[in-house]
Amino acid sequence: ALAAIELMHRVYSGFTYRSRSTDI
């Protein structure tokens, strides 16, 4: 559980949320 939470932090900080930057 700790490791998965750490992975979540890294995905959040390492990727940029941008609407319509990808599609399905």
PDB file of all heavy atoms in Angstrom:
ATOM      1  N   ALA A   1       0.825  -1.204   0.000  1.00  0.00           N
ATOM      2  CA  ALA A   1       0.000   0.000   0.000  1.00  0.00           C
ATOM      3  C   ALA A   1       0.864   1.261   0.000  1.00  0.00           C
ATOM      4  O   ALA A   1       0.583   2.211  -0.731  1.00  0.00           O
ATOM      5  CB  ALA A   1      -0.938   0.000   1.198  1.00  0.00           C
ATOM      6  N   LEU A   2       1.922   1.269   0.800  1.00  0.00           N
ATOM      7  CA  LEU A   2       2.825   2.426   0.813  1.00  0.00           C
ATOM      8  C   LEU A   2       3.483   2.617  -0.545  1.00  0.00           C
ATOM      9  O   LEU A   2       3.605   3.745  -1.046  1.00  0.00           O
ATOM     10  CB  LEU A   2       3.906   2.242   1.883  1.00  0.00           C
ATOM     11  CG  LEU A   2       3.576   2.608   3.320  1.00  0.00           C
ATOM     12  CD1 LEU A   2       4.819   2.436   4.198  1.00  0.00           C
ATOM     13  CD2 LEU A   2       3.082   4.055   3.420  1.00  0.00           C
ATOM     14  N   ALA A   3       3.922   1.528  -1.147  1.00  0.00           N
ATOM     15  CA  ALA A   3       4.592   1.619  -2.436  1.00  0.00           C
ATOM     16  C   ALA A   3       3.634   2.110  -3.519  1.00  0.00           C
ATOM     17  O   ALA A   3       4.017   2.923  -4.377  1.00  0.00           O
ATOM     18  CB  ALA A   3       5.171   0.260  -2.810  1.00  0.00           C
ATOM     19  N   ALA A   4       2.384   1.644  -3.488  1.00  0.00           N
ATOM     20  CA  ALA A   4       1.410   2.076  -4.488  1.00  0.00           C
ATOM     21  C   ALA A   4       1.100   3.559  -4.336  1.00  0.00           C
ATOM     22  O   ALA A   4       0.931   4.281  -5.332  1.00  0.00           O
ATOM     23  CB  ALA A   4       0.134   1.248  -4.361  1.00  0.00           C
ATOM     24  N   ILE A   5       1.028   4.037  -3.102  1.00  0.00           N
ATOM     25  CA  ILE A   5       0.791   5.463  -2.866  1.00  0.00           C
ATOM     26  C   ILE A   5       1.971   6.287  -3.374  1.00  0.00           C
ATOM     27  O   ILE A   5       1.796   7.351  -3.982  1.00  0.00           O
ATOM     28  CB  ILE A   5       0.533   5.722  -1.372  1.00  0.00           C
ATOM     29  CG1 ILE A   5      -0.807   5.092  -0.953  1.00  0.00           C
ATOM     30  CG2 ILE A   5       0.533   7.215  -1.063  1.00  0.00           C
ATOM     31  CD1 ILE A   5      -1.031   5.047   0.542  1.00  0.00           C
ATOM     32  N   GLU A   6       3.181   5.794  -3.170  1.00  0.00           N
ATOM     33  CA  GLU A   6       4.367   6.474  -3.694  1.00  0.00           C
ATOM     34  C   GLU A   6       4.339   6.512  -5.219  1.00  0.00           C
ATOM     35  O   GLU A   6       4.690   7.529  -5.832  1.00  0.00           O
ATOM     36  CB  GLU A   6       5.626   5.755  -3.207  1.00  0.00           C
ATOM     37  CG  GLU A   6       6.914   6.154  -3.906  1.00  0.00           C
ATOM     38  CD  GLU A   6       7.290   7.617  -3.731  1.00  0.00           C
ATOM     39  OE1 GLU A   6       6.741   8.292  -2.830  1.00  0.00           O
ATOM     40  OE2 GLU A   6       8.138   8.091  -4.508  1.00  0.00           O
ATOM     41  N   LEU A   7       3.921   5.429  -5.845  1.00  0.00           N
ATOM     42  CA  LEU A   7       3.799   5.420  -7.301  1.00  0.00           C
ATOM     43  C   LEU A   7       2.770   6.447  -7.756  1.00  0.00           C
ATOM     44  O   LEU A   7       2.987   7.158  -8.748  1.00  0.00           O
ATOM     45  CB  LEU A   7       3.396   4.025  -7.782  1.00  0.00           C
ATOM     46  CG  LEU A   7       3.097   3.894  -9.278  1.00  0.00           C
ATOM     47  CD1 LEU A   7       4.334   4.201 -10.118  1.00  0.00           C
ATOM     48  CD2 LEU A   7       2.567   2.491  -9.596  1.00  0.00           C
ATOM     49  N   MET A   8       1.654   6.554  -7.061  1.00  0.00           N
ATOM     50  CA  MET A   8       0.647   7.562  -7.391  1.00  0.00           C
ATOM     51  C   MET A   8       1.255   8.959  -7.357  1.00  0.00           C
ATOM     52  O   MET A   8       1.038   9.773  -8.269  1.00  0.00           O
ATOM     53  CB  MET A   8      -0.531   7.472  -6.418  1.00  0.00           C
ATOM     54  CG  MET A   8      -1.568   8.561  -6.611  1.00  0.00           C
ATOM     55  SD  MET A   8      -2.932   8.487  -5.420  1.00  0.00           S
ATOM     56  CE  MET A   8      -2.077   8.981  -3.896  1.00  0.00           C
ATOM     57  N   HIS A   9       2.035   9.261  -6.308  1.00  0.00           N
ATOM     58  CA  HIS A   9       2.681  10.571  -6.216  1.00  0.00           C
ATOM     59  C   HIS A   9       3.559  10.824  -7.440  1.00  0.00           C
ATOM     60  O   HIS A   9       3.570  11.935  -7.988  1.00  0.00           O
ATOM     61  CB  HIS A   9       3.556  10.646  -4.963  1.00  0.00           C
ATOM     62  CG  HIS A   9       2.812  10.535  -3.659  1.00  0.00           C
ATOM     63  ND1 HIS A   9       1.508  10.926  -3.516  1.00  0.00           N
ATOM     64  CD2 HIS A   9       3.228  10.099  -2.427  1.00  0.00           C
ATOM     65  CE1 HIS A   9       1.124  10.717  -2.257  1.00  0.00           C
ATOM     66  NE2 HIS A   9       2.143  10.227  -1.589  1.00  0.00           N
ATOM     67  N   ARG A  10       4.303   9.807  -7.866  1.00  0.00           N
ATOM     68  CA  ARG A  10       5.244   9.989  -8.967  1.00  0.00           C
ATOM     69  C   ARG A  10       4.540  10.149 -10.317  1.00  0.00           C
ATOM     70  O   ARG A  10       4.992  10.918 -11.170  1.00  0.00           O
ATOM     71  CB  ARG A  10       6.236   8.824  -9.011  1.00  0.00           C
ATOM     72  CG  ARG A  10       7.182   8.818  -7.808  1.00  0.00           C
ATOM     73  CD  ARG A  10       8.201   7.694  -7.894  1.00  0.00           C
ATOM     74  NE  ARG A  10       8.924   7.726  -9.152  1.00  0.00           N
ATOM     75  CZ  ARG A  10       8.985   6.696 -10.017  1.00  0.00           C
ATOM     76  NH1 ARG A  10       8.380   5.549  -9.729  1.00  0.00           N
ATOM     77  NH2 ARG A  10       9.665   6.804 -11.134  1.00  0.00           N
ATOM     78  N   VAL A  11       3.437   9.417 -10.519  1.00  0.00           N
ATOM     79  CA  VAL A  11       2.665   9.610 -11.745  1.00  0.00           C
ATOM     80  C   VAL A  11       2.087  11.020 -11.773  1.00  0.00           C
ATOM     81  O   VAL A  11       2.139  11.720 -12.800  1.00  0.00           O
ATOM     82  CB  VAL A  11       1.546   8.554 -11.868  1.00  0.00           C
ATOM     83  CG1 VAL A  11       0.631   8.860 -13.060  1.00  0.00           C
ATOM     84  CG2 VAL A  11       2.143   7.158 -12.016  1.00  0.00           C
ATOM     85  N   TYR A  12       1.558  11.457 -10.652  1.00  0.00           N
ATOM     86  CA  TYR A  12       0.986  12.805 -10.569  1.00  0.00           C
ATOM     87  C   TYR A  12       2.027  13.883 -10.865  1.00  0.00           C
ATOM     88  O   TYR A  12       1.766  14.821 -11.633  1.00  0.00           O
ATOM     89  CB  TYR A  12       0.388  13.019  -9.179  1.00  0.00           C
ATOM     90  CG  TYR A  12      -0.039  14.446  -8.908  1.00  0.00           C
ATOM     91  CD1 TYR A  12      -1.249  14.934  -9.416  1.00  0.00           C
ATOM     92  CD2 TYR A  12       0.752  15.302  -8.142  1.00  0.00           C
ATOM     93  CE1 TYR A  12      -1.640  16.243  -9.171  1.00  0.00           C
ATOM     94  CE2 TYR A  12       0.357  16.601  -7.889  1.00  0.00           C
ATOM     95  CZ  TYR A  12      -0.839  17.070  -8.409  1.00  0.00           C
ATOM     96  OH  TYR A  12      -1.222  18.370  -8.160  1.00  0.00           O
ATOM     97  N   SER A  13       3.187  13.757 -10.263  1.00  0.00           N
ATOM     98  CA  SER A  13       4.216  14.792 -10.424  1.00  0.00           C
ATOM     99  C   SER A  13       4.959  14.679 -11.756  1.00  0.00           C
ATOM    100  O   SER A  13       5.508  15.675 -12.245  1.00  0.00           O
ATOM    101  CB  SER A  13       5.225  14.722  -9.271  1.00  0.00           C
ATOM    102  OG  SER A  13       5.899  13.471  -9.253  1.00  0.00           O
ATOM    103  N   GLY A  14       4.977  13.486 -12.359  1.00  0.00           N
ATOM    104  CA  GLY A  14       5.745  13.285 -13.581  1.00  0.00           C
ATOM    105  C   GLY A  14       4.959  13.470 -14.860  1.00  0.00           C
ATOM    106  O   GLY A  14       5.549  13.465 -15.954  1.00  0.00           O
ATOM    107  N   PHE A  15       3.630  13.629 -14.749  1.00  0.00           N
ATOM    108  CA  PHE A  15       2.784  13.776 -15.927  1.00  0.00           C
ATOM    109  C   PHE A  15       1.963  15.057 -15.807  1.00  0.00           C
ATOM    110  O   PHE A  15       1.643  15.501 -14.704  1.00  0.00           O
ATOM    111  CB  PHE A  15       1.860  12.578 -16.093  1.00  0.00           C
ATOM    112  CG  PHE A  15       2.575  11.306 -16.470  1.00  0.00           C
ATOM    113  CD1 PHE A  15       3.325  10.612 -15.531  1.00  0.00           C
ATOM    114  CD2 PHE A  15       2.517  10.822 -17.763  1.00  0.00           C
ATOM    115  CE1 PHE A  15       4.001   9.453 -15.869  1.00  0.00           C
ATOM    116  CE2 PHE A  15       3.188   9.657 -18.116  1.00  0.00           C
ATOM    117  CZ  PHE A  15       3.933   8.978 -17.173  1.00  0.00           C
ATOM    118  N   THR A  16       1.614  15.631 -16.949  1.00  0.00           N
ATOM    119  CA  THR A  16       0.834  16.866 -16.990  1.00  0.00           C
ATOM    120  C   THR A  16      -0.582  16.568 -17.454  1.00  0.00           C
ATOM    121  O   THR A  16      -0.775  15.918 -18.499  1.00  0.00           O
ATOM    122  CB  THR A  16       1.469  17.885 -17.952  1.00  0.00           C
ATOM    123  OG1 THR A  16       2.790  18.188 -17.500  1.00  0.00           O
ATOM    124  CG2 THR A  16       0.649  19.168 -18.004  1.00  0.00           C
ATOM    125  N   TYR A  17      -1.565  17.023 -16.676  1.00  0.00           N
ATOM    126  CA  TYR A  17      -2.962  16.877 -17.086  1.00  0.00           C
ATOM    127  C   TYR A  17      -3.300  18.002 -18.057  1.00  0.00           C
ATOM    128  O   TYR A  17      -3.127  19.179 -17.740  1.00  0.00           O
ATOM    129  CB  TYR A  17      -3.899  16.936 -15.876  1.00  0.00           C
ATOM    130  CG  TYR A  17      -5.358  16.813 -16.264  1.00  0.00           C
ATOM    131  CD1 TYR A  17      -5.962  15.565 -16.359  1.00  0.00           C
ATOM    132  CD2 TYR A  17      -6.117  17.939 -16.559  1.00  0.00           C
ATOM    133  CE1 TYR A  17      -7.297  15.439 -16.732  1.00  0.00           C
ATOM    134  CE2 TYR A  17      -7.447  17.819 -16.932  1.00  0.00           C
ATOM    135  CZ  TYR A  17      -8.030  16.571 -17.020  1.00  0.00           C
ATOM    136  OH  TYR A  17      -9.340  16.452 -17.396  1.00  0.00           O
ATOM    137  N   ARG A  18      -3.772  17.626 -19.237  1.00  0.00           N
ATOM    138  CA  ARG A  18      -4.151  18.629 -20.237  1.00  0.00           C
ATOM    139  C   ARG A  18      -5.367  18.119 -20.983  1.00  0.00           C
ATOM    140  O   ARG A  18      -5.306  17.102 -21.673  1.00  0.00           O
ATOM    141  CB  ARG A  18      -3.011  18.921 -21.207  1.00  0.00           C
ATOM    142  CG  ARG A  18      -3.299  20.067 -22.182  1.00  0.00           C
ATOM    143  CD  ARG A  18      -2.083  20.403 -23.026  1.00  0.00           C
ATOM    144  NE  ARG A  18      -0.987  20.831 -22.164  1.00  0.00           N
ATOM    145  CZ  ARG A  18       0.295  20.558 -22.412  1.00  0.00           C
ATOM    146  NH1 ARG A  18       0.627  19.852 -23.483  1.00  0.00           N
ATOM    147  NH2 ARG A  18       1.235  20.987 -21.597  1.00  0.00           N
ATOM    148  N   SER A  19      -6.481  18.807 -20.837  1.00  0.00           N
ATOM    149  CA  SER A  19      -7.724  18.410 -21.489  1.00  0.00           C
ATOM    150  C   SER A  19      -7.541  18.343 -22.999  1.00  0.00           C
ATOM    151  O   SER A  19      -6.893  19.195 -23.603  1.00  0.00           O
ATOM    152  CB  SER A  19      -8.817  19.415 -21.129  1.00  0.00           C
ATOM    153  OG  SER A  19     -10.042  19.072 -21.723  1.00  0.00           O
ATOM    154  N   ARG A  20      -8.089  17.284 -23.596  1.00  0.00           N
ATOM    155  CA  ARG A  20      -8.075  17.051 -25.043  1.00  0.00           C
ATOM    156  C   ARG A  20      -6.669  16.823 -25.606  1.00  0.00           C
ATOM    157  O   ARG A  20      -6.471  16.892 -26.814  1.00  0.00           O
ATOM    158  CB  ARG A  20      -8.747  18.199 -25.796  1.00  0.00           C
ATOM    159  CG  ARG A  20     -10.223  18.386 -25.436  1.00  0.00           C
ATOM    160  CD  ARG A  20     -10.874  19.478 -26.283  1.00  0.00           C
ATOM    161  NE  ARG A  20     -12.273  19.631 -25.957  1.00  0.00           N
ATOM    162  CZ  ARG A  20     -12.710  20.432 -24.985  1.00  0.00           C
ATOM    163  NH1 ARG A  20     -11.857  21.142 -24.280  1.00  0.00           N
ATOM    164  NH2 ARG A  20     -14.001  20.518 -24.731  1.00  0.00           N
ATOM    165  N   SER A  21      -5.696  16.542 -24.770  1.00  0.00           N
ATOM    166  CA  SER A  21      -4.343  16.263 -25.267  1.00  0.00           C
ATOM    167  C   SER A  21      -4.230  14.854 -25.833  1.00  0.00           C
ATOM    168  O   SER A  21      -3.296  14.551 -26.583  1.00  0.00           O
ATOM    169  CB  SER A  21      -3.307  16.453 -24.153  1.00  0.00           C
ATOM    170  OG  SER A  21      -3.591  15.609 -23.045  1.00  0.00           O
ATOM    171  N   THR A  22      -5.158  13.978 -25.480  1.00  0.00           N
ATOM    172  CA  THR A  22      -5.242  12.631 -26.043  1.00  0.00           C
ATOM    173  C   THR A  22      -6.709  12.333 -26.317  1.00  0.00           C
ATOM    174  O   THR A  22      -7.606  13.079 -25.906  1.00  0.00           O
ATOM    175  CB  THR A  22      -4.686  11.574 -25.075  1.00  0.00           C
ATOM    176  OG1 THR A  22      -5.438  11.633 -23.843  1.00  0.00           O
ATOM    177  CG2 THR A  22      -3.211  11.812 -24.780  1.00  0.00           C
ATOM    178  N   ASP A  23      -6.953  11.229 -27.018  1.00  0.00           N
ATOM    179  CA  ASP A  23      -8.326  10.779 -27.207  1.00  0.00           C
ATOM    180  C   ASP A  23      -8.442   9.322 -26.774  1.00  0.00           C
ATOM    181  O   ASP A  23      -7.478   8.722 -26.285  1.00  0.00           O
ATOM    182  CB  ASP A  23      -8.808  10.988 -28.646  1.00  0.00           C
ATOM    183  CG  ASP A  23      -7.920  10.284 -29.662  1.00  0.00           C
ATOM    184  OD1 ASP A  23      -7.395   9.193 -29.361  1.00  0.00           O
ATOM    185  OD2 ASP A  23      -7.743  10.824 -30.777  1.00  0.00           O
ATOM    186  N   ILE A  24      -9.607   8.747 -26.963  1.00  0.00           N
ATOM    187  CA  ILE A  24      -9.872   7.396 -26.476  1.00  0.00           C
ATOM    188  C   ILE A  24      -8.879   6.386 -27.031  1.00  0.00           C
ATOM    189  O   ILE A  24      -8.452   5.457 -26.342  1.00  0.00           O
ATOM    190  CB  ILE A  24     -11.320   6.990 -26.825  1.00  0.00           C
ATOM    191  CG1 ILE A  24     -12.324   7.819 -26.018  1.00  0.00           C
ATOM    192  CG2 ILE A  24     -11.547   5.504 -26.565  1.00  0.00           C
ATOM    193  CD1 ILE A  24     -13.761   7.628 -26.443  1.00  0.00           C
TER     194      ILE A  24
END
